[in-house]
Amino acid sequence: MLRALANSFKVPELRRRILVTLGLIAVYRAGDFIPLPGIDGQALRAFFDRMSQQLGGTLFTVMDLFSGGGLSQMTIFALGIMPAISASIIMQLMVVVLPRLEQMAKEEGESGRRKINQYSRYLTVGLGIMQGFFISLWLENPGSFDGVQMVQFPGWGFRLLTIVTLASGTAFIMWLGEQITAMGIGNGMSILITAGILSRLPTAVHQLAMLAGPGSQRQISPLTLVGMAIMLVAVVISVIAITQGQRRIPVQYARRIVGRKVYGGQATYIPIRVNHAGVMPIIFAQSIIMFPATMAGFTGFQLLNRMAHWLTRGQVLYTVLYSAFIIFFAYFYTAIAFNPVDVADNMKKFGGFIPGIRPGRPTAEFFDRLLTRITLPGAVFLAFIAVLPDLVGRWLGIPYLVASFFGGTSLLIVVGVLLETLRQVESFLLMRNYEGFLTHGRIRGRR
């Protein structure tokens, strides 16, 4: 591992990409320490601390996770990368729904994808403006903060300043992510999300050390710490196995003779991942199940407050609905990301077929049955990992910030992004005849 890390800096292009990535991450993290003007930062931080200690949560909890704590400190990067993620998801859905966008993505090739990406950028700025406006209204309302006045000079001046600052911060973060993708290592958006999540790790370790420290206030025994470490390793190994797990479908291409050249005739495979949807089902499910609590904080309606009480972490209804939503969205997102009809048509167009399956409609039906069966274990595993932090927190009596690193969105994102980044770094090393991070073989999912 150390030798591979040293070799990474011996390749000029790889060294440049790593340094560019680290530099842009440093710029992103520096923005999380620049506060939004006109806000009582200490009072706002105390409010988020009280909210994080509750069993439930709101959409602000999810946004704070993806912004690396920028929302709880109300910095210029408070919205984080969430508007860009939301815009990307909306555009993926629109490509499936609107025939014009679907035709643009299929027929225009790279030019069509660039247009769709440009629409996604415009939508990101629009979502940033809208979210900035609602956050400014939320900050001006003392009723949202138990009567505490967060804004020193409320009014349209503060609202416009908040909108411009937060929308500009979102656009700048989106630009940073694109620069990392183009000139750095890994997917820029994913790298920034991972950096924000890992930035909260020292706080979690500090809280755990306080709970396990010497004295009469010790809540965690050394034996429990050992058990937590073993459980963490087991969960990480399970997440890696599910992330890398795939079913390889053999594909045979017919041999064609055009003039004096022979085309096709080779055998390959199509990898079908067990967890094809990634972390998206958990994000969708969190957004829906936390919506009543978020709206209750804005409006104060009794019905929404009652629903928010029922949908708090640890409640049976919360666990059941949360798991059901994750399983549903796992199938939903997989159906959007992998279209069996398009895959079957492309195979038929280039003379490919699955041994024992006729081309065309039978191939599409085969992929549909396979996706239905192979998505189920991945969806159930996602649901288990998502509710695991709640179970661990209640069982051991530890804060949710500490328990979140034993599962949920944080662990899935960090493991997935690190694996993808590791693959890219290893490919650079292997191209330059250097040993990769694994000297006795490649990652199991790529054998």
Protein backbone atom coordinates (compact mmCIF):
# COMPACT_ATOMS: atom_id res chain seq x y z
CA MET A 1 0.00 0.00 0.00
CA LEU A 2 2.75 2.48 0.95
CA ARG A 3 4.79 1.49 -2.10
CA ALA A 4 1.80 2.05 -4.38
CA LEU A 5 1.18 5.42 -2.73
CA ALA A 6 4.80 6.39 -3.36
CA ASN A 7 4.55 5.19 -6.96
CA SER A 8 1.52 7.43 -7.45
CA PHE A 9 3.77 10.49 -7.15
CA LYS A 10 6.36 9.06 -9.58
CA VAL A 11 3.97 9.31 -12.54
CA PRO A 12 3.93 13.01 -13.58
CA GLU A 13 0.35 13.03 -14.89
CA LEU A 14 -1.00 11.13 -11.89
CA ARG A 15 0.93 13.35 -9.47
CA ARG A 16 -0.50 16.45 -11.13
CA ARG A 17 -4.04 15.07 -10.97
CA ILE A 18 -3.72 14.16 -7.29
CA LEU A 19 -2.35 17.58 -6.36
CA VAL A 20 -5.07 19.34 -8.36
CA THR A 21 -7.72 17.25 -6.59
CA LEU A 22 -6.29 17.98 -3.15
CA GLY A 23 -5.99 21.69 -3.94
CA LEU A 24 -9.60 21.99 -5.10
CA ILE A 25 -10.80 20.04 -2.05
CA ALA A 26 -8.90 22.51 0.14
CA VAL A 27 -10.68 25.41 -1.62
CA TYR A 28 -14.02 23.69 -1.05
CA ARG A 29 -13.33 23.12 2.64
CA ALA A 30 -12.11 26.71 3.09
CA GLY A 31 -15.48 27.98 1.89
CA ASP A 32 -17.17 26.12 4.74
CA PHE A 33 -15.52 28.51 7.20
CA ILE A 34 -16.78 31.75 5.60
CA PRO A 35 -20.06 32.64 7.36
CA LEU A 36 -23.11 34.12 5.71
CA PRO A 37 -23.41 37.85 6.58
CA GLY A 38 -26.06 39.02 9.02
CA ILE A 39 -26.51 35.76 10.98
CA ASP A 40 -26.10 34.99 14.67
CA GLY A 41 -23.79 32.02 14.14
CA GLN A 42 -23.57 30.88 17.76
CA ALA A 43 -27.36 30.76 18.19
CA LEU A 44 -27.78 28.90 14.91
CA ARG A 45 -25.13 26.37 15.87
CA ALA A 46 -26.84 25.77 19.21
CA PHE A 47 -30.13 25.20 17.40
CA PHE A 48 -28.62 22.57 15.09
CA ASP A 49 -26.95 20.88 18.05
CA ARG A 50 -30.32 20.53 19.76
CA MET A 51 -31.90 19.26 16.55
CA SER A 52 -29.15 16.66 16.01
CA GLN A 53 -29.74 15.25 19.48
CA GLN A 54 -33.38 14.53 18.66
CA LEU A 55 -34.44 11.10 17.48
CA GLY A 56 -35.92 12.48 14.29
CA GLY A 57 -34.51 14.68 11.61
CA THR A 58 -35.39 17.02 8.80
CA LEU A 59 -34.22 17.59 5.26
CA PHE A 60 -31.75 20.09 6.74
CA THR A 61 -30.04 17.11 8.40
CA VAL A 62 -29.47 15.51 4.99
CA MET A 63 -28.35 18.80 3.45
CA ASP A 64 -25.96 19.40 6.34
CA LEU A 65 -24.47 15.94 5.77
CA PHE A 66 -23.77 16.63 2.08
CA SER A 67 -22.44 20.12 2.79
CA GLY A 68 -19.96 18.88 5.38
CA GLY A 69 -21.57 20.88 8.18
CA GLY A 70 -21.82 24.05 6.09
CA LEU A 71 -25.58 24.39 6.62
CA SER A 72 -25.40 24.13 10.42
CA GLN A 73 -22.76 26.88 10.40
CA MET A 74 -24.62 28.77 7.62
CA THR A 75 -21.58 29.43 5.45
CA ILE A 76 -21.43 30.57 1.82
CA PHE A 77 -21.38 26.87 0.85
CA ALA A 78 -24.38 26.06 3.04
CA LEU A 79 -26.35 24.43 0.22
CA GLY A 80 -23.41 22.23 -0.66
CA ILE A 81 -23.74 19.94 -3.64
CA MET A 82 -27.42 19.06 -3.03
CA PRO A 83 -28.86 21.40 -5.74
CA ALA A 84 -26.53 19.83 -8.31
CA ILE A 85 -27.54 16.32 -7.21
CA SER A 86 -31.22 17.24 -7.33
CA ALA A 87 -30.81 18.80 -10.79
CA SER A 88 -28.99 15.71 -12.06
CA ILE A 89 -31.74 13.41 -10.76
CA ILE A 90 -34.48 15.62 -12.25
CA MET A 91 -32.75 15.65 -15.65
CA GLN A 92 -32.39 11.86 -15.61
CA LEU A 93 -36.12 11.57 -14.97
CA MET A 94 -36.90 14.16 -17.65
CA VAL A 95 -34.83 12.27 -20.24
CA VAL A 96 -37.02 9.22 -19.62
CA VAL A 97 -40.30 11.18 -19.59
CA LEU A 98 -39.79 13.75 -22.38
CA PRO A 99 -39.31 12.25 -25.89
CA ARG A 100 -37.39 15.34 -27.09
CA LEU A 101 -34.70 14.95 -24.45
CA GLU A 102 -34.59 11.18 -24.96
CA GLN A 103 -34.07 11.69 -28.69
CA MET A 104 -31.37 14.27 -27.97
CA ALA A 105 -29.52 11.87 -25.67
CA LYS A 106 -29.68 8.95 -28.12
CA GLU A 107 -29.30 10.49 -31.58
CA GLU A 108 -27.09 13.52 -31.03
CA GLY A 109 -24.44 11.60 -29.07
CA GLU A 110 -21.83 13.70 -27.26
CA SER A 111 -23.40 16.97 -28.45
CA GLY A 112 -26.77 15.95 -26.99
CA ARG A 113 -25.21 15.00 -23.67
CA ARG A 114 -23.47 18.37 -23.50
CA LYS A 115 -26.79 20.16 -24.02
CA ILE A 116 -28.43 18.09 -21.29
CA ASN A 117 -25.51 18.84 -18.95
CA GLN A 118 -25.94 22.54 -19.71
CA TYR A 119 -29.64 22.30 -18.86
CA SER A 120 -28.64 20.59 -15.63
CA ARG A 121 -26.33 23.51 -14.78
CA TYR A 122 -29.11 26.03 -15.36
CA LEU A 123 -31.46 23.94 -13.21
CA THR A 124 -28.81 23.78 -10.46
CA VAL A 125 -28.59 27.58 -10.32
CA GLY A 126 -32.39 27.81 -10.33
CA LEU A 127 -32.71 25.36 -7.46
CA GLY A 128 -30.00 27.25 -5.57
CA ILE A 129 -31.94 30.50 -5.95
CA MET A 130 -35.18 28.88 -4.82
CA GLN A 131 -33.61 27.14 -1.83
CA GLY A 132 -31.74 30.32 -0.89
CA PHE A 133 -35.02 32.26 -0.85
CA PHE A 134 -36.77 29.74 1.41
CA ILE A 135 -33.75 29.53 3.72
CA SER A 136 -33.73 33.33 4.05
CA LEU A 137 -37.42 33.23 5.05
CA TRP A 138 -36.70 30.41 7.48
CA LEU A 139 -33.83 32.33 9.08
CA GLU A 140 -35.97 35.46 9.48
CA ASN A 141 -38.74 33.60 11.29
CA PRO A 142 -38.03 33.52 15.07
CA GLY A 143 -40.75 30.90 15.49
CA SER A 144 -38.52 28.35 13.75
CA PHE A 145 -35.84 28.83 16.43
CA ASP A 146 -37.91 28.85 19.64
CA GLY A 147 -38.29 32.62 19.54
CA VAL A 148 -34.59 33.41 19.02
CA GLN A 149 -33.85 36.13 16.44
CA MET A 150 -31.19 34.76 14.07
CA VAL A 151 -31.06 37.67 11.61
CA GLN A 152 -29.82 41.05 12.76
CA PHE A 153 -31.43 43.11 9.95
CA PRO A 154 -34.32 41.18 8.37
CA GLY A 155 -35.94 42.32 5.15
CA TRP A 156 -35.49 42.11 1.41
CA GLY A 157 -31.92 43.29 1.67
CA PHE A 158 -31.01 40.24 3.72
CA ARG A 159 -33.07 37.97 1.49
CA LEU A 160 -31.41 39.13 -1.73
CA LEU A 161 -27.96 38.91 -0.15
CA THR A 162 -28.70 35.35 1.05
CA ILE A 163 -30.06 34.27 -2.34
CA VAL A 164 -27.10 35.65 -4.28
CA THR A 165 -24.54 34.28 -1.82
CA LEU A 166 -25.97 30.75 -1.57
CA ALA A 167 -26.72 30.44 -5.30
CA SER A 168 -23.22 31.68 -6.17
CA GLY A 169 -21.70 29.24 -3.70
CA THR A 170 -23.65 26.38 -5.27
CA ALA A 171 -22.51 27.37 -8.77
CA PHE A 172 -18.91 27.60 -7.58
CA ILE A 173 -19.08 24.15 -5.96
CA MET A 174 -20.52 22.74 -9.19
CA TRP A 175 -17.59 24.29 -11.09
CA LEU A 176 -15.12 22.78 -8.61
CA GLY A 177 -16.66 19.34 -9.12
CA GLU A 178 -16.38 19.66 -12.89
CA GLN A 179 -12.74 20.73 -12.64
CA ILE A 180 -11.92 17.72 -10.44
CA THR A 181 -13.61 15.41 -12.96
CA ALA A 182 -11.72 16.97 -15.89
CA MET A 183 -8.26 17.56 -14.37
CA GLY A 184 -8.22 15.50 -11.18
CA ILE A 185 -8.94 11.96 -9.99
CA GLY A 186 -12.43 10.49 -9.68
CA ASN A 187 -15.87 11.99 -10.08
CA GLY A 188 -15.76 15.58 -8.85
CA MET A 189 -19.22 15.70 -7.27
CA SER A 190 -18.66 12.43 -5.42
CA ILE A 191 -15.20 13.52 -4.24
CA LEU A 192 -16.61 16.74 -2.75
CA ILE A 193 -19.43 14.87 -0.99
CA THR A 194 -16.91 12.42 0.46
CA ALA A 195 -14.67 15.26 1.63
CA GLY A 196 -17.64 16.85 3.40
CA ILE A 197 -18.59 13.58 5.11
CA LEU A 198 -15.04 12.78 6.19
CA SER A 199 -14.66 16.29 7.59
CA ARG A 200 -17.12 15.31 10.32
CA LEU A 201 -15.08 12.25 11.30
CA PRO A 202 -12.86 14.09 13.85
CA THR A 203 -15.98 15.37 15.63
CA ALA A 204 -17.39 11.85 15.76
CA VAL A 205 -14.10 10.47 17.12
CA HIS A 206 -14.03 13.22 19.76
CA GLN A 207 -17.57 12.39 20.88
CA LEU A 208 -16.70 8.69 21.02
CA ALA A 209 -13.56 9.44 23.05
CA MET A 210 -15.61 11.48 25.53
CA LEU A 211 -18.07 8.60 25.96
CA ALA A 212 -15.28 6.02 26.38
CA GLY A 213 -12.91 8.19 28.44
CA PRO A 214 -11.98 7.52 32.07
CA GLY A 215 -14.11 8.81 34.91
CA SER A 216 -17.57 8.40 36.29
CA GLN A 217 -19.20 9.65 33.07
CA ARG A 218 -17.94 6.71 31.02
CA GLN A 219 -20.80 5.24 28.98
CA ILE A 220 -18.87 2.82 26.75
CA SER A 221 -16.63 0.10 28.15
CA PRO A 222 -13.39 -1.03 26.45
CA LEU A 223 -15.04 -4.33 25.54
CA THR A 224 -17.84 -2.45 23.79
CA LEU A 225 -15.25 -0.43 21.86
CA VAL A 226 -13.65 -3.65 20.61
CA GLY A 227 -17.07 -4.94 19.57
CA MET A 228 -17.78 -1.67 17.75
CA ALA A 229 -14.47 -1.92 15.86
CA ILE A 230 -15.22 -5.50 14.80
CA MET A 231 -18.71 -4.53 13.70
CA LEU A 232 -17.37 -1.56 11.71
CA VAL A 233 -14.92 -3.80 9.84
CA ALA A 234 -17.67 -6.34 9.11
CA VAL A 235 -20.02 -3.64 7.81
CA VAL A 236 -17.32 -2.11 5.57
CA ILE A 237 -16.47 -5.54 4.13
CA SER A 238 -20.16 -6.20 3.46
CA VAL A 239 -20.59 -2.83 1.75
CA ILE A 240 -17.54 -3.49 -0.45
CA ALA A 241 -18.86 -6.94 -1.37
CA ILE A 242 -22.28 -5.60 -2.36
CA THR A 243 -20.79 -2.61 -4.18
CA GLN A 244 -18.44 -4.82 -6.20
CA GLY A 245 -20.88 -7.72 -6.63
CA GLN A 246 -22.15 -8.27 -10.16
CA ARG A 247 -23.70 -10.90 -12.41
CA ARG A 248 -21.87 -11.29 -15.72
CA ILE A 249 -24.11 -12.13 -18.66
CA PRO A 250 -22.18 -13.79 -21.53
CA VAL A 251 -22.70 -12.18 -24.93
CA GLN A 252 -21.62 -13.70 -28.25
CA TYR A 253 -21.23 -11.56 -31.37
CA ALA A 254 -21.77 -13.18 -34.77
CA ARG A 255 -18.89 -13.11 -37.21
CA ARG A 256 -19.38 -10.92 -40.29
CA ILE A 257 -17.18 -10.80 -43.39
CA VAL A 258 -17.06 -7.42 -45.14
CA GLY A 259 -14.70 -7.55 -48.12
CA ARG A 260 -11.44 -8.99 -46.84
CA LYS A 261 -12.07 -8.08 -43.20
CA VAL A 262 -13.76 -10.15 -40.53
CA TYR A 263 -15.81 -8.35 -37.91
CA GLY A 264 -17.21 -9.76 -34.68
CA GLY A 265 -16.97 -13.34 -33.61
CA GLN A 266 -15.72 -12.50 -30.11
CA ALA A 267 -17.30 -13.32 -26.77
CA THR A 268 -17.77 -10.74 -24.03
CA TYR A 269 -20.12 -10.11 -21.13
CA ILE A 270 -22.50 -7.48 -19.72
CA PRO A 271 -22.00 -6.84 -15.98
CA ILE A 272 -25.23 -6.47 -13.99
CA ARG A 273 -24.47 -4.98 -10.59
CA VAL A 274 -26.25 -6.22 -7.48
CA ASN A 275 -26.57 -2.66 -6.20
CA HIS A 276 -27.15 -0.89 -9.50
CA ALA A 277 -28.87 2.12 -7.93
CA GLY A 278 -26.04 2.95 -5.54
CA VAL A 279 -26.95 5.31 -2.72
CA MET A 280 -29.79 7.07 -4.58
CA PRO A 281 -32.64 4.99 -3.02
CA ILE A 282 -31.55 6.05 0.48
CA ILE A 283 -31.42 9.72 -0.54
CA PHE A 284 -34.90 9.53 -2.09
CA ALA A 285 -36.33 7.70 0.93
CA GLN A 286 -34.77 10.16 3.38
CA SER A 287 -36.16 13.12 1.46
CA ILE A 288 -39.70 11.74 1.55
CA ILE A 289 -39.78 10.47 5.11
CA MET A 290 -38.26 13.68 6.50
CA PHE A 291 -40.55 15.96 4.52
CA PRO A 292 -43.29 16.19 7.23
CA ALA A 293 -40.76 17.21 9.89
CA THR A 294 -39.29 19.83 7.57
CA MET A 295 -42.66 21.33 6.67
CA ALA A 296 -43.70 21.25 10.33
CA GLY A 297 -40.69 23.43 11.14
CA PHE A 298 -41.78 25.94 8.47
CA THR A 299 -45.56 26.00 9.11
CA GLY A 300 -46.11 24.68 12.63
CA PHE A 301 -49.27 22.73 11.61
CA GLN A 302 -50.41 20.30 14.28
CA LEU A 303 -51.09 17.50 11.79
CA LEU A 304 -47.56 17.77 10.39
CA ASN A 305 -46.14 17.85 13.92
CA ARG A 306 -48.04 14.67 14.73
CA MET A 307 -46.81 12.97 11.54
CA ALA A 308 -43.25 14.10 12.32
CA HIS A 309 -43.59 12.52 15.79
CA TRP A 310 -44.70 9.23 14.28
CA LEU A 311 -41.85 9.32 11.75
CA THR A 312 -38.99 9.76 14.22
CA ARG A 313 -35.96 7.51 14.26
CA GLY A 314 -36.48 4.41 16.32
CA GLN A 315 -40.25 4.26 15.82
CA VAL A 316 -41.60 1.08 14.22
CA LEU A 317 -43.54 3.05 11.59
CA TYR A 318 -40.40 4.99 10.65
CA THR A 319 -38.32 1.81 10.23
CA VAL A 320 -40.97 0.01 8.18
CA LEU A 321 -41.73 2.93 5.86
CA TYR A 322 -38.07 3.85 5.49
CA SER A 323 -37.15 0.29 4.47
CA ALA A 324 -40.12 0.03 2.10
CA PHE A 325 -39.24 3.32 0.41
CA ILE A 326 -35.63 2.22 -0.07
CA ILE A 327 -36.65 -1.10 -1.68
CA PHE A 328 -39.15 0.68 -3.94
CA PHE A 329 -36.70 3.35 -5.09
CA ALA A 330 -33.99 0.72 -5.65
CA TYR A 331 -36.23 -0.89 -8.28
CA PHE A 332 -37.38 2.50 -9.57
CA TYR A 333 -33.88 3.92 -10.09
CA THR A 334 -32.59 0.63 -11.57
CA ALA A 335 -35.43 0.70 -14.12
CA ILE A 336 -34.40 4.24 -15.11
CA ALA A 337 -30.65 3.59 -15.25
CA PHE A 338 -30.85 0.23 -17.09
CA ASN A 339 -33.36 -0.07 -19.93
CA PRO A 340 -33.63 -3.74 -21.04
CA VAL A 341 -35.32 -2.82 -24.34
CA ASP A 342 -32.51 -0.43 -25.36
CA VAL A 343 -29.81 -2.94 -24.37
CA ALA A 344 -31.52 -5.71 -26.35
CA ASP A 345 -31.95 -3.46 -29.41
CA ASN A 346 -28.30 -2.38 -29.34
CA MET A 347 -27.16 -5.99 -29.06
CA LYS A 348 -29.36 -7.00 -31.99
CA LYS A 349 -28.14 -4.04 -34.05
CA PHE A 350 -24.48 -5.13 -33.72
CA GLY A 351 -25.15 -8.85 -34.08
CA GLY A 352 -24.87 -9.79 -30.43
CA PHE A 353 -26.91 -12.40 -28.61
CA ILE A 354 -27.00 -14.24 -25.31
CA PRO A 355 -26.39 -18.00 -25.76
CA GLY A 356 -29.73 -19.78 -25.49
CA ILE A 357 -31.78 -16.55 -25.76
CA ARG A 358 -33.23 -15.26 -29.03
CA PRO A 359 -32.36 -11.64 -29.94
CA GLY A 360 -34.92 -8.87 -29.64
CA ARG A 361 -37.90 -9.11 -27.32
CA PRO A 362 -36.88 -12.42 -25.63
CA THR A 363 -33.54 -10.82 -24.69
CA ALA A 364 -35.29 -7.78 -23.21
CA GLU A 365 -37.61 -10.05 -21.19
CA PHE A 366 -34.58 -12.01 -19.98
CA PHE A 367 -32.88 -8.82 -18.74
CA ASP A 368 -36.12 -7.66 -17.10
CA ARG A 369 -36.49 -10.94 -15.15
CA LEU A 370 -32.82 -10.88 -14.20
CA LEU A 371 -32.97 -7.28 -12.93
CA THR A 372 -36.08 -8.05 -10.89
CA ARG A 373 -34.35 -10.94 -9.14
CA ILE A 374 -30.86 -9.51 -8.71
CA THR A 375 -32.08 -6.11 -7.43
CA LEU A 376 -33.94 -7.64 -4.47
CA PRO A 377 -30.88 -8.67 -2.37
CA GLY A 378 -29.19 -5.35 -3.10
CA ALA A 379 -32.33 -3.41 -2.10
CA VAL A 380 -32.77 -5.41 1.13
CA PHE A 381 -29.11 -4.85 1.98
CA LEU A 382 -29.50 -1.10 1.38
CA ALA A 383 -32.52 -1.02 3.69
CA PHE A 384 -30.57 -2.87 6.41
CA ILE A 385 -27.54 -0.59 6.11
CA ALA A 386 -29.79 2.49 6.19
CA VAL A 387 -31.50 1.58 9.48
CA LEU A 388 -28.32 0.15 11.06
CA PRO A 389 -27.13 3.53 12.51
CA ASP A 390 -30.49 3.97 14.26
CA LEU A 391 -30.27 0.47 15.75
CA VAL A 392 -26.63 0.93 16.80
CA GLY A 393 -27.33 4.35 18.32
CA ARG A 394 -30.23 3.05 20.41
CA TRP A 395 -28.44 -0.15 21.40
CA LEU A 396 -25.18 1.48 22.51
CA GLY A 397 -26.59 4.88 23.50
CA ILE A 398 -24.13 6.82 21.32
CA PRO A 399 -24.81 10.06 19.34
CA TYR A 400 -26.18 9.70 15.82
CA LEU A 401 -23.08 11.36 14.35
CA VAL A 402 -20.96 8.49 15.70
CA ALA A 403 -23.50 5.83 14.72
CA SER A 404 -23.78 7.21 11.17
CA PHE A 405 -20.31 5.88 10.34
CA PHE A 406 -21.56 2.32 10.99
CA GLY A 407 -23.90 2.46 8.01
CA GLY A 408 -26.37 4.64 6.19
CA THR A 409 -25.67 7.16 3.48
CA SER A 410 -22.27 8.23 4.81
CA LEU A 411 -20.64 4.81 4.74
CA LEU A 412 -22.07 3.84 1.35
CA ILE A 413 -20.88 7.06 -0.28
CA VAL A 414 -17.40 6.97 1.27
CA VAL A 415 -16.79 3.30 0.40
CA GLY A 416 -18.16 3.62 -3.14
CA VAL A 417 -16.21 6.78 -3.96
CA LEU A 418 -12.95 5.48 -2.49
CA LEU A 419 -13.27 2.23 -4.47
CA GLU A 420 -13.88 4.13 -7.72
CA THR A 421 -10.97 6.49 -7.04
CA LEU A 422 -8.75 3.53 -6.18
CA ARG A 423 -9.58 1.91 -9.52
CA GLN A 424 -8.61 5.04 -11.43
CA VAL A 425 -5.33 5.45 -9.57
CA GLU A 426 -4.49 1.78 -10.07
CA SER A 427 -5.20 2.02 -13.82
CA PHE A 428 -2.69 4.90 -14.08
CA LEU A 429 -0.08 2.84 -12.22
CA LEU A 430 -0.60 -0.27 -14.32
CA MET A 431 -0.30 1.71 -17.55
CA ARG A 432 3.14 2.92 -16.37
CA ASN A 433 4.23 -0.62 -15.33
CA TYR A 434 3.98 0.14 -11.62
CA GLU A 435 2.42 -2.18 -9.07
CA GLY A 436 -1.08 -1.20 -7.99
CA PHE A 437 -2.49 -1.06 -4.50
CA LEU A 438 -3.18 -4.81 -4.58
CA THR A 439 0.05 -6.66 -5.42
CA HIS A 440 -1.41 -10.20 -5.39
CA GLY A 441 -4.38 -9.60 -7.67
CA ARG A 442 -6.96 -7.12 -8.72
CA ILE A 443 -10.14 -6.11 -7.03
CA ARG A 444 -12.42 -9.10 -7.04
CA GLY A 445 -15.21 -7.38 -8.95
CA ARG A 446 -12.87 -6.83 -11.96
CA ARG A 447 -11.49 -10.36 -12.37
